[in-house]
Amino acid sequence: MPRQFVVQVTNKPGQMARLAEAMAAAGVDLRAIGGGGLGEVGHFIMTTADDDGARKVLEDGGWTFLEGESLLAEVDDRPGGMARIARELSDAGVNVLGHLFLGRWSDRATFAFVVDDPDKARPILERR
């Protein structure tokens, strides 16, 4: 199963460059990356073409990170589409640890989610 990584960083200039350069130096291709920051803490969420290589880069570099199965879901591309899925996951007791927007086709948007309980989330996300 493909993995998704959530990497914690200090919210300051250069963090994305540092992470991307470390992955590139190890020959790890970033397939999708997103992130944000608030105050002193930031994060990046990413999928790669080489999960084992990415994990090694993160471990060897002393990065604080978590990883989980990347679950794909199509969401109605209209107001309330994400709200419905988020509510269903919440009601099932599933915590969303990260998600990435992957693309939009017609009236659907595709996201990759990493959650704390993939077994509970899978039926919710796959029936979209």
Protein backbone atom coordinates (compact mmCIF):
# COMPACT_ATOMS: atom_id res chain seq x y z
CA MET A 1 0.00 0.00 0.00
CA PRO A 2 1.29 3.49 -0.79
CA ARG A 3 2.22 5.57 2.25
CA GLN A 4 1.72 9.20 3.12
CA PHE A 5 4.13 11.10 5.35
CA VAL A 6 3.34 14.04 7.64
CA VAL A 7 6.58 15.83 8.56
CA GLN A 8 6.79 18.42 11.34
CA VAL A 9 9.13 21.36 10.81
CA THR A 10 9.99 24.67 12.38
CA ASN A 11 7.96 27.35 10.64
CA LYS A 12 10.79 29.34 9.06
CA PRO A 13 12.24 29.93 5.58
CA GLY A 14 14.11 27.07 3.99
CA GLN A 15 12.31 24.12 5.52
CA MET A 16 10.69 22.97 2.27
CA ALA A 17 14.01 23.35 0.44
CA ARG A 18 15.80 21.35 3.13
CA LEU A 19 13.26 18.51 2.94
CA ALA A 20 13.06 18.47 -0.86
CA GLU A 21 16.86 18.56 -1.20
CA ALA A 22 17.27 15.66 1.24
CA MET A 23 14.75 13.60 -0.73
CA ALA A 24 16.38 14.51 -4.05
CA ALA A 25 19.87 13.63 -2.78
CA ALA A 26 18.57 10.14 -1.93
CA GLY A 27 16.85 9.80 -5.31
CA VAL A 28 13.34 9.96 -3.84
CA ASP A 29 10.74 11.46 -6.19
CA LEU A 30 8.03 13.54 -4.50
CA ARG A 31 4.68 12.67 -6.09
CA ALA A 32 2.54 15.16 -4.14
CA ILE A 33 3.38 17.63 -1.38
CA GLY A 34 1.39 20.14 0.62
CA GLY A 35 1.66 21.74 4.00
CA GLY A 36 1.26 24.75 6.14
CA GLY A 37 2.41 26.49 9.26
CA LEU A 38 1.06 28.42 12.18
CA GLY A 39 3.16 30.18 14.76
CA GLU A 40 6.45 28.37 15.24
CA VAL A 41 5.35 24.98 13.88
CA GLY A 42 4.82 23.86 10.31
CA HIS A 43 4.27 20.61 8.51
CA PHE A 44 4.52 19.00 5.11
CA ILE A 45 2.33 16.18 3.89
CA MET A 46 3.73 14.14 1.04
CA THR A 47 3.56 11.02 -1.04
CA THR A 48 6.62 9.67 -2.83
CA ALA A 49 7.62 7.16 -5.46
CA ASP A 50 9.82 5.37 -2.88
CA ASP A 51 8.29 5.00 0.59
CA ASP A 52 11.23 3.03 2.01
CA GLY A 53 13.69 5.61 0.71
CA ALA A 54 11.60 8.49 2.09
CA ARG A 55 11.36 6.83 5.50
CA LYS A 56 15.14 6.35 5.57
CA VAL A 57 15.75 10.01 4.67
CA LEU A 58 13.39 11.15 7.43
CA GLU A 59 14.81 8.77 10.05
CA ASP A 60 18.45 9.45 9.17
CA GLY A 61 17.80 13.22 9.13
CA GLY A 62 16.17 13.22 12.57
CA TRP A 63 12.85 14.58 11.22
CA THR A 64 9.74 14.30 13.38
CA PHE A 65 7.18 12.52 11.22
CA LEU A 66 4.39 10.02 11.06
CA GLU A 67 3.35 7.83 8.21
CA GLY A 68 0.25 5.96 7.31
CA GLU A 69 -1.56 4.24 4.50
CA SER A 70 -2.60 6.68 1.79
CA LEU A 71 -6.36 6.27 1.27
CA LEU A 72 -7.81 7.76 -1.90
CA ALA A 73 -11.26 9.30 -1.96
CA GLU A 74 -13.34 11.13 -4.52
CA VAL A 75 -15.32 14.02 -3.07
CA ASP A 76 -18.20 15.92 -4.63
CA ASP A 77 -16.65 19.13 -5.95
CA ARG A 78 -19.27 21.46 -4.53
CA PRO A 79 -20.00 23.17 -1.22
CA GLY A 80 -20.41 20.54 1.49
CA GLY A 81 -18.55 17.75 -0.30
CA MET A 82 -15.61 17.69 2.11
CA ALA A 83 -17.87 18.53 5.06
CA ARG A 84 -19.86 15.32 4.52
CA ILE A 85 -16.79 13.09 4.47
CA ALA A 86 -15.19 14.90 7.42
CA ARG A 87 -18.39 14.46 9.46
CA GLU A 88 -18.66 10.76 8.61
CA LEU A 89 -15.04 10.17 9.59
CA SER A 90 -15.51 12.12 12.82
CA ASP A 91 -18.70 10.27 13.71
CA ALA A 92 -16.82 6.97 13.20
CA GLY A 93 -14.11 8.17 15.62
CA VAL A 94 -11.48 8.53 12.88
CA ASN A 95 -8.89 11.29 13.21
CA VAL A 96 -7.57 12.78 9.95
CA LEU A 97 -3.81 13.21 10.35
CA GLY A 98 -3.32 14.73 6.91
CA HIS A 99 -4.79 14.97 3.45
CA LEU A 100 -3.59 16.06 0.05
CA PHE A 101 -5.55 17.45 -2.86
CA LEU A 102 -4.57 15.42 -5.93
CA GLY A 103 -6.78 16.79 -8.69
CA ARG A 104 -10.19 17.71 -10.01
CA TRP A 105 -12.13 15.99 -12.78
CA SER A 106 -15.58 17.12 -13.84
CA ASP A 107 -17.66 17.36 -10.65
CA ARG A 108 -15.29 15.29 -8.45
CA ALA A 109 -12.12 16.12 -6.55
CA THR A 110 -9.61 13.45 -5.51
CA PHE A 111 -7.83 13.51 -2.16
CA ALA A 112 -5.34 11.23 -0.40
CA PHE A 113 -6.01 10.87 3.33
CA VAL A 114 -3.84 9.53 6.12
CA VAL A 115 -5.83 8.66 9.25
CA ASP A 116 -5.34 7.05 12.63
CA ASP A 117 -7.64 4.10 11.83
CA PRO A 118 -7.55 3.06 8.16
CA ASP A 119 -9.84 0.07 8.74
CA LYS A 120 -12.65 2.34 9.97
CA ALA A 121 -11.98 5.00 7.35
CA ARG A 122 -11.66 2.77 4.29
CA PRO A 123 -15.39 1.94 3.91
CA ILE A 124 -16.32 5.62 4.34
CA LEU A 125 -13.76 6.90 1.83
CA GLU A 126 -14.17 4.12 -0.72
CA ARG A 127 -17.94 4.41 -1.13
CA ARG A 128 -17.67 7.91 -2.58
